[in-house]
């Protein structure tokens, strides 16, 4: 999950989900699952379903690559 600009909150969580099988969860399903274990403010406000996550050399998720992906895709969608 990364933080993305949000007009209401200043910044909100955005999740990248790699589905297990053919069906990807909806934002509502993901939020419900997260809030079973954590407070509601920890749940993401938006979700992108991806085929896989980028990793850096030591095996951690490459958040810079996720940020670049989000920043590249979302403005293109907003212009539609």
PDB file of N, CA and C in Angstrom:
ATOM      1  N   UNK A   1       0.851  -1.164   0.000  1.00  0.00           N
ATOM      2  CA  UNK A   1       0.000   0.000   0.000  1.00  0.00           C
ATOM      3  C   UNK A   1       0.902   1.234   0.000  1.00  0.00           C
ATOM      4  N   UNK A   2       0.449   2.252  -0.714  1.00  0.00           N
ATOM      5  CA  UNK A   2       1.154   3.529  -0.747  1.00  0.00           C
ATOM      6  C   UNK A   2       0.173   4.635  -0.387  1.00  0.00           C
ATOM      7  N   UNK A   3       0.686   5.777  -0.015  1.00  0.00           N
ATOM      8  CA  UNK A   3      -0.142   6.944   0.228  1.00  0.00           C
ATOM      9  C   UNK A   3      -0.270   7.748  -1.051  1.00  0.00           C
ATOM     10  N   UNK A   4      -1.502   8.181  -1.356  1.00  0.00           N
ATOM     11  CA  UNK A   4      -1.751   8.996  -2.543  1.00  0.00           C
ATOM     12  C   UNK A   4      -2.510  10.251  -2.125  1.00  0.00           C
ATOM     13  N   UNK A   5      -2.370  11.337  -2.886  1.00  0.00           N
ATOM     14  CA  UNK A   5      -3.085  12.569  -2.545  1.00  0.00           C
ATOM     15  C   UNK A   5      -4.595  12.338  -2.498  1.00  0.00           C
ATOM     16  N   UNK A   6      -5.239  12.947  -1.513  1.00  0.00           N
ATOM     17  CA  UNK A   6      -6.685  12.838  -1.350  1.00  0.00           C
ATOM     18  C   UNK A   6      -7.214  14.217  -0.983  1.00  0.00           C
ATOM     19  N   UNK A   7      -8.204  14.735  -1.729  1.00  0.00           N
ATOM     20  CA  UNK A   7      -8.691  16.092  -1.442  1.00  0.00           C
ATOM     21  C   UNK A   7      -9.357  16.218  -0.072  1.00  0.00           C
ATOM     22  N   UNK A   8      -9.921  15.139   0.422  1.00  0.00           N
ATOM     23  CA  UNK A   8     -10.622  15.171   1.704  1.00  0.00           C
ATOM     24  C   UNK A   8      -9.675  14.968   2.889  1.00  0.00           C
ATOM     25  N   UNK A   9      -8.762  14.013   2.775  1.00  0.00           N
ATOM     26  CA  UNK A   9      -7.886  13.654   3.891  1.00  0.00           C
ATOM     27  C   UNK A   9      -6.467  14.189   3.782  1.00  0.00           C
ATOM     28  N   UNK A  10      -6.088  14.683   2.620  1.00  0.00           N
ATOM     29  CA  UNK A  10      -4.705  15.087   2.388  1.00  0.00           C
ATOM     30  C   UNK A  10      -3.918  13.950   1.769  1.00  0.00           C
ATOM     31  N   UNK A  11      -4.010  12.769   2.388  1.00  0.00           N
ATOM     32  CA  UNK A  11      -3.386  11.564   1.840  1.00  0.00           C
ATOM     33  C   UNK A  11      -4.214  10.363   2.279  1.00  0.00           C
ATOM     34  N   UNK A  12      -4.357   9.401   1.364  1.00  0.00           N
ATOM     35  CA  UNK A  12      -5.135   8.195   1.662  1.00  0.00           C
ATOM     36  C   UNK A  12      -4.379   6.978   1.164  1.00  0.00           C
ATOM     37  N   UNK A  13      -4.699   5.827   1.731  1.00  0.00           N
ATOM     38  CA  UNK A  13      -4.056   4.585   1.337  1.00  0.00           C
ATOM     39  C   UNK A  13      -4.580   4.065   0.008  1.00  0.00           C
ATOM     40  N   UNK A  14      -3.657   3.599  -0.811  1.00  0.00           N
ATOM     41  CA  UNK A  14      -3.992   2.988  -2.097  1.00  0.00           C
ATOM     42  C   UNK A  14      -3.311   1.623  -2.144  1.00  0.00           C
ATOM     43  N   UNK A  15      -4.103   0.570  -2.314  1.00  0.00           N
ATOM     44  CA  UNK A  15      -3.571  -0.793  -2.296  1.00  0.00           C
ATOM     45  C   UNK A  15      -3.371  -1.322  -3.710  1.00  0.00           C
ATOM     46  N   UNK A  16      -2.334  -2.114  -3.870  1.00  0.00           N
ATOM     47  CA  UNK A  16      -2.097  -2.876  -5.089  1.00  0.00           C
ATOM     48  C   UNK A  16      -2.315  -4.335  -4.712  1.00  0.00           C
ATOM     49  N   UNK A  17      -3.253  -4.983  -5.385  1.00  0.00           N
ATOM     50  CA  UNK A  17      -3.639  -6.342  -5.030  1.00  0.00           C
ATOM     51  C   UNK A  17      -3.277  -7.295  -6.161  1.00  0.00           C
ATOM     52  N   UNK A  18      -2.605  -8.389  -5.803  1.00  0.00           N
ATOM     53  CA  UNK A  18      -2.335  -9.477  -6.741  1.00  0.00           C
ATOM     54  C   UNK A  18      -3.353 -10.560  -6.413  1.00  0.00           C
ATOM     55  N   UNK A  19      -4.343 -10.783  -7.306  1.00  0.00           N
ATOM     56  CA  UNK A  19      -5.394 -11.744  -6.983  1.00  0.00           C
ATOM     57  C   UNK A  19      -4.874 -13.177  -6.914  1.00  0.00           C
ATOM     58  N   UNK A  20      -5.499 -13.950  -6.066  1.00  0.00           N
ATOM     59  CA  UNK A  20      -5.202 -15.371  -5.932  1.00  0.00           C
ATOM     60  C   UNK A  20      -6.289 -16.104  -6.707  1.00  0.00           C
ATOM     61  N   UNK A  21      -5.991 -16.469  -7.934  1.00  0.00           N
ATOM     62  CA  UNK A  21      -6.997 -17.086  -8.789  1.00  0.00           C
ATOM     63  C   UNK A  21      -7.536 -16.077  -9.782  1.00  0.00           C
ATOM     64  N   UNK A  22      -8.743 -16.335 -10.266  1.00  0.00           N
ATOM     65  CA  UNK A  22      -9.326 -15.505 -11.321  1.00  0.00           C
ATOM     66  C   UNK A  22     -10.045 -14.267 -10.811  1.00  0.00           C
ATOM     67  N   UNK A  23     -10.555 -14.307  -9.587  1.00  0.00           N
ATOM     68  CA  UNK A  23     -11.367 -13.202  -9.084  1.00  0.00           C
ATOM     69  C   UNK A  23     -10.561 -12.269  -8.201  1.00  0.00           C
ATOM     70  N   UNK A  24     -10.662 -10.989  -8.491  1.00  0.00           N
ATOM     71  CA  UNK A  24     -10.020  -9.972  -7.659  1.00  0.00           C
ATOM     72  C   UNK A  24     -11.068  -9.406  -6.699  1.00  0.00           C
ATOM     73  N   UNK A  25     -10.674  -9.069  -5.474  1.00  0.00           N
ATOM     74  CA  UNK A  25     -11.644  -8.498  -4.530  1.00  0.00           C
ATOM     75  C   UNK A  25     -12.018  -7.073  -4.922  1.00  0.00           C
ATOM     76  N   UNK A  26     -13.230  -6.691  -4.581  1.00  0.00           N
ATOM     77  CA  UNK A  26     -13.644  -5.305  -4.777  1.00  0.00           C
ATOM     78  C   UNK A  26     -13.052  -4.459  -3.659  1.00  0.00           C
ATOM     79  N   UNK A  27     -13.141  -3.158  -3.793  1.00  0.00           N
ATOM     80  CA  UNK A  27     -12.647  -2.259  -2.749  1.00  0.00           C
ATOM     81  C   UNK A  27     -13.396  -2.536  -1.446  1.00  0.00           C
ATOM     82  N   UNK A  28     -14.710  -2.749  -1.539  1.00  0.00           N
ATOM     83  CA  UNK A  28     -15.506  -3.000  -0.345  1.00  0.00           C
ATOM     84  C   UNK A  28     -15.082  -4.301   0.346  1.00  0.00           C
ATOM     85  N   UNK A  29     -14.860  -5.363  -0.439  1.00  0.00           N
ATOM     86  CA  UNK A  29     -14.425  -6.630   0.146  1.00  0.00           C
ATOM     87  C   UNK A  29     -13.068  -6.493   0.823  1.00  0.00           C
ATOM     88  N   UNK A  30     -12.167  -5.767   0.183  1.00  0.00           N
ATOM     89  CA  UNK A  30     -10.846  -5.564   0.757  1.00  0.00           C
ATOM     90  C   UNK A  30     -10.928  -4.756   2.046  1.00  0.00           C
ATOM     91  N   UNK A  31     -11.728  -3.687   2.041  1.00  0.00           N
ATOM     92  CA  UNK A  31     -11.885  -2.868   3.245  1.00  0.00           C
ATOM     93  C   UNK A  31     -12.484  -3.701   4.379  1.00  0.00           C
ATOM     94  N   UNK A  32     -13.488  -4.527   4.073  1.00  0.00           N
ATOM     95  CA  UNK A  32     -14.102  -5.374   5.095  1.00  0.00           C
ATOM     96  C   UNK A  32     -13.083  -6.342   5.685  1.00  0.00           C
ATOM     97  N   UNK A  33     -12.265  -6.918   4.827  1.00  0.00           N
ATOM     98  CA  UNK A  33     -11.263  -7.891   5.294  1.00  0.00           C
ATOM     99  C   UNK A  33     -10.226  -7.214   6.200  1.00  0.00           C
ATOM    100  N   UNK A  34      -9.791  -6.015   5.796  1.00  0.00           N
ATOM    101  CA  UNK A  34      -8.796  -5.291   6.596  1.00  0.00           C
ATOM    102  C   UNK A  34      -9.379  -4.882   7.944  1.00  0.00           C
ATOM    103  N   UNK A  35     -10.626  -4.409   7.940  1.00  0.00           N
ATOM    104  CA  UNK A  35     -11.216  -3.919   9.189  1.00  0.00           C
ATOM    105  C   UNK A  35     -11.597  -5.048  10.145  1.00  0.00           C
ATOM    106  N   UNK A  36     -11.491  -6.311   9.721  1.00  0.00           N
ATOM    107  CA  UNK A  36     -11.667  -7.422  10.654  1.00  0.00           C
ATOM    108  C   UNK A  36     -10.507  -7.449  11.656  1.00  0.00           C
ATOM    109  N   UNK A  37      -9.332  -6.989  11.215  1.00  0.00           N
ATOM    110  CA  UNK A  37      -8.127  -7.043  12.046  1.00  0.00           C
ATOM    111  C   UNK A  37      -7.656  -5.662  12.529  1.00  0.00           C
ATOM    112  N   UNK A  38      -7.961  -4.612  11.754  1.00  0.00           N
ATOM    113  CA  UNK A  38      -7.440  -3.272  12.034  1.00  0.00           C
ATOM    114  C   UNK A  38      -8.574  -2.252  12.075  1.00  0.00           C
ATOM    115  N   UNK A  39      -8.333  -1.062  12.612  1.00  0.00           N
ATOM    116  CA  UNK A  39      -9.364  -0.013  12.619  1.00  0.00           C
ATOM    117  C   UNK A  39      -9.690   0.430  11.190  1.00  0.00           C
ATOM    118  N   UNK A  40     -10.901   0.946  10.949  1.00  0.00           N
ATOM    119  CA  UNK A  40     -11.324   1.327   9.597  1.00  0.00           C
ATOM    120  C   UNK A  40     -10.411   2.338   8.907  1.00  0.00           C
ATOM    121  N   UNK A  41      -9.769   3.242   9.653  1.00  0.00           N
ATOM    122  CA  UNK A  41      -8.915   4.232   9.002  1.00  0.00           C
ATOM    123  C   UNK A  41      -7.673   3.607   8.370  1.00  0.00           C
ATOM    124  N   UNK A  42      -7.366   2.367   8.701  1.00  0.00           N
ATOM    125  CA  UNK A  42      -6.216   1.667   8.107  1.00  0.00           C
ATOM    126  C   UNK A  42      -6.546   1.047   6.759  1.00  0.00           C
ATOM    127  N   UNK A  43      -7.820   0.960   6.415  1.00  0.00           N
ATOM    128  CA  UNK A  43      -8.234   0.322   5.170  1.00  0.00           C
ATOM    129  C   UNK A  43      -7.974   1.245   3.981  1.00  0.00           C
ATOM    130  N   UNK A  44      -7.589   0.700   2.821  1.00  0.00           N
ATOM    131  CA  UNK A  44      -7.334   1.534   1.647  1.00  0.00           C
ATOM    132  C   UNK A  44      -8.626   2.155   1.118  1.00  0.00           C
ATOM    133  N   UNK A  45      -8.492   3.327   0.527  1.00  0.00           N
ATOM    134  CA  UNK A  45      -9.645   3.993  -0.087  1.00  0.00           C
ATOM    135  C   UNK A  45      -9.760   3.659  -1.560  1.00  0.00           C
ATOM    136  N   UNK A  46      -8.677   3.152  -2.157  1.00  0.00           N
ATOM    137  CA  UNK A  46      -8.709   2.758  -3.566  1.00  0.00           C
ATOM    138  C   UNK A  46      -7.794   1.555  -3.771  1.00  0.00           C
ATOM    139  N   UNK A  47      -8.040   0.837  -4.873  1.00  0.00           N
ATOM    140  CA  UNK A  47      -7.323  -0.406  -5.134  1.00  0.00           C
ATOM    141  C   UNK A  47      -7.025  -0.526  -6.624  1.00  0.00           C
ATOM    142  N   UNK A  48      -5.835  -1.009  -6.949  1.00  0.00           N
ATOM    143  CA  UNK A  48      -5.484  -1.421  -8.310  1.00  0.00           C
ATOM    144  C   UNK A  48      -5.187  -2.905  -8.267  1.00  0.00           C
ATOM    145  N   UNK A  49      -5.756  -3.656  -9.206  1.00  0.00           N
ATOM    146  CA  UNK A  49      -5.459  -5.076  -9.321  1.00  0.00           C
ATOM    147  C   UNK A  49      -4.311  -5.209 -10.320  1.00  0.00           C
ATOM    148  N   UNK A  50      -3.232  -5.879  -9.908  1.00  0.00           N
ATOM    149  CA  UNK A  50      -2.033  -6.018 -10.742  1.00  0.00           C
ATOM    150  C   UNK A  50      -1.652  -7.493 -10.862  1.00  0.00           C
ATOM    151  N   UNK A  51      -0.882  -7.799 -11.894  1.00  0.00           N
ATOM    152  CA  UNK A  51      -0.428  -9.176 -12.110  1.00  0.00           C
ATOM    153  C   UNK A  51       0.675  -9.572 -11.135  1.00  0.00           C
ATOM    154  N   UNK A  52       1.466  -8.613 -10.698  1.00  0.00           N
ATOM    155  CA  UNK A  52       2.560  -8.884  -9.783  1.00  0.00           C
ATOM    156  C   UNK A  52       3.101  -7.587  -9.225  1.00  0.00           C
ATOM    157  N   UNK A  53       3.879  -7.683  -8.166  1.00  0.00           N
ATOM    158  CA  UNK A  53       4.475  -6.513  -7.534  1.00  0.00           C
ATOM    159  C   UNK A  53       5.951  -6.417  -7.902  1.00  0.00           C
ATOM    160  N   UNK A  54       6.462  -5.187  -8.072  1.00  0.00           N
ATOM    161  CA  UNK A  54       7.896  -5.026  -8.325  1.00  0.00           C
ATOM    162  C   UNK A  54       8.674  -5.136  -7.014  1.00  0.00           C
ATOM    163  N   UNK A  55       9.853  -5.721  -7.089  1.00  0.00           N
ATOM    164  CA  UNK A  55      10.696  -5.878  -5.907  1.00  0.00           C
ATOM    165  C   UNK A  55      12.070  -5.272  -6.154  1.00  0.00           C
ATOM    166  N   UNK A  56      12.687  -4.781  -5.084  1.00  0.00           N
ATOM    167  CA  UNK A  56      14.079  -4.316  -5.151  1.00  0.00           C
ATOM    168  C   UNK A  56      14.987  -5.515  -4.905  1.00  0.00           C
ATOM    169  N   UNK A  57      16.285  -5.330  -5.061  1.00  0.00           N
ATOM    170  CA  UNK A  57      17.248  -6.413  -4.973  1.00  0.00           C
ATOM    171  C   UNK A  57      17.233  -7.213  -3.682  1.00  0.00           C
ATOM    172  N   UNK A  58      16.839  -6.597  -2.558  1.00  0.00           N
ATOM    173  CA  UNK A  58      16.862  -7.325  -1.281  1.00  0.00           C
ATOM    174  C   UNK A  58      15.525  -7.977  -0.952  1.00  0.00           C
ATOM    175  N   UNK A  59      14.596  -7.971  -1.918  1.00  0.00           N
ATOM    176  CA  UNK A  59      13.336  -8.680  -1.743  1.00  0.00           C
ATOM    177  C   UNK A  59      12.180  -7.878  -1.190  1.00  0.00           C
ATOM    178  N   UNK A  60      12.355  -6.577  -0.996  1.00  0.00           N
ATOM    179  CA  UNK A  60      11.260  -5.733  -0.516  1.00  0.00           C
ATOM    180  C   UNK A  60      10.466  -5.206  -1.707  1.00  0.00           C
ATOM    181  N   UNK A  61       9.191  -4.868  -1.465  1.00  0.00           N
ATOM    182  CA  UNK A  61       8.359  -4.286  -2.515  1.00  0.00           C
ATOM    183  C   UNK A  61       8.921  -2.915  -2.872  1.00  0.00           C
ATOM    184  N   UNK A  62       9.027  -2.646  -4.161  1.00  0.00           N
ATOM    185  CA  UNK A  62       9.568  -1.378  -4.667  1.00  0.00           C
ATOM    186  C   UNK A  62       8.452  -0.329  -4.689  1.00  0.00           C
ATOM    187  N   UNK A  63       8.341   0.421  -3.602  1.00  0.00           N
ATOM    188  CA  UNK A  63       7.277   1.429  -3.482  1.00  0.00           C
ATOM    189  C   UNK A  63       7.451   2.577  -4.473  1.00  0.00           C
ATOM    190  N   UNK A  64       8.675   2.901  -4.833  1.00  0.00           N
ATOM    191  CA  UNK A  64       8.902   3.959  -5.832  1.00  0.00           C
ATOM    192  C   UNK A  64       8.302   3.549  -7.169  1.00  0.00           C
ATOM    193  N   UNK A  65       8.453   2.287  -7.544  1.00  0.00           N
ATOM    194  CA  UNK A  65       7.876   1.796  -8.797  1.00  0.00           C
ATOM    195  C   UNK A  65       6.347   1.810  -8.729  1.00  0.00           C
ATOM    196  N   UNK A  66       5.793   1.461  -7.565  1.00  0.00           N
ATOM    197  CA  UNK A  66       4.337   1.515  -7.409  1.00  0.00           C
ATOM    198  C   UNK A  66       3.839   2.951  -7.502  1.00  0.00           C
ATOM    199  N   UNK A  67       4.563   3.883  -6.882  1.00  0.00           N
ATOM    200  CA  UNK A  67       4.193   5.307  -6.956  1.00  0.00           C
ATOM    201  C   UNK A  67       4.225   5.784  -8.413  1.00  0.00           C
ATOM    202  N   UNK A  68       5.283   5.411  -9.147  1.00  0.00           N
ATOM    203  CA  UNK A  68       5.397   5.811 -10.550  1.00  0.00           C
ATOM    204  C   UNK A  68       4.249   5.228 -11.364  1.00  0.00           C
ATOM    205  N   UNK A  69       3.902   3.974 -11.093  1.00  0.00           N
ATOM    206  CA  UNK A  69       2.783   3.339 -11.805  1.00  0.00           C
ATOM    207  C   UNK A  69       1.493   4.095 -11.523  1.00  0.00           C
ATOM    208  N   UNK A  70       1.244   4.409 -10.255  1.00  0.00           N
ATOM    209  CA  UNK A  70       0.023   5.130  -9.882  1.00  0.00           C
ATOM    210  C   UNK A  70       0.001   6.517 -10.518  1.00  0.00           C
ATOM    211  N   UNK A  71       1.115   7.242 -10.451  1.00  0.00           N
ATOM    212  CA  UNK A  71       1.174   8.606 -10.981  1.00  0.00           C
ATOM    213  C   UNK A  71       1.038   8.630 -12.498  1.00  0.00           C
ATOM    214  N   UNK A  72       1.456   7.564 -13.175  1.00  0.00           N
ATOM    215  CA  UNK A  72       1.350   7.494 -14.629  1.00  0.00           C
ATOM    216  C   UNK A  72      -0.056   7.126 -15.072  1.00  0.00           C
ATOM    217  N   UNK A  73      -0.671   6.180 -14.384  1.00  0.00           N
ATOM    218  CA  UNK A  73      -1.979   5.669 -14.799  1.00  0.00           C
ATOM    219  C   UNK A  73      -3.118   6.591 -14.395  1.00  0.00           C
ATOM    220  N   UNK A  74      -3.148   7.075 -13.191  1.00  0.00           N
ATOM    221  CA  UNK A  74      -4.301   7.843 -12.700  1.00  0.00           C
ATOM    222  C   UNK A  74      -4.540   9.141 -13.472  1.00  0.00           C
ATOM    223  N   UNK A  75      -3.512   9.950 -13.809  1.00  0.00           N
ATOM    224  CA  UNK A  75      -3.806  11.150 -14.605  1.00  0.00           C
ATOM    225  C   UNK A  75      -4.368  10.801 -15.977  1.00  0.00           C
ATOM    226  N   UNK A  76      -3.944   9.709 -16.566  1.00  0.00           N
ATOM    227  CA  UNK A  76      -4.465   9.295 -17.863  1.00  0.00           C
ATOM    228  C   UNK A  76      -5.942   8.935 -17.752  1.00  0.00           C
ATOM    229  N   UNK A  77      -6.324   8.283 -16.662  1.00  0.00           N
ATOM    230  CA  UNK A  77      -7.730   7.927 -16.465  1.00  0.00           C
ATOM    231  C   UNK A  77      -8.579   9.157 -16.181  1.00  0.00           C
ATOM    232  N   UNK A  78      -8.038  10.146 -15.490  1.00  0.00           N
ATOM    233  CA  UNK A  78      -8.786  11.350 -15.146  1.00  0.00           C
ATOM    234  C   UNK A  78      -9.125  12.170 -16.383  1.00  0.00           C
ATOM    235  N   UNK A  79      -8.325  12.059 -17.435  1.00  0.00           N
ATOM    236  CA  UNK A  79      -8.558  12.830 -18.649  1.00  0.00           C
ATOM    237  C   UNK A  79      -9.620  12.258 -19.543  1.00  0.00           C
ATOM    238  N   UNK A  80     -10.185  11.107 -19.214  1.00  0.00           N
ATOM    239  CA  UNK A  80     -11.206  10.475 -20.064  1.00  0.00           C
ATOM    240  C   UNK A  80     -12.536  11.138 -19.943  1.00  0.00           C
TER     241      UNK A  80
END
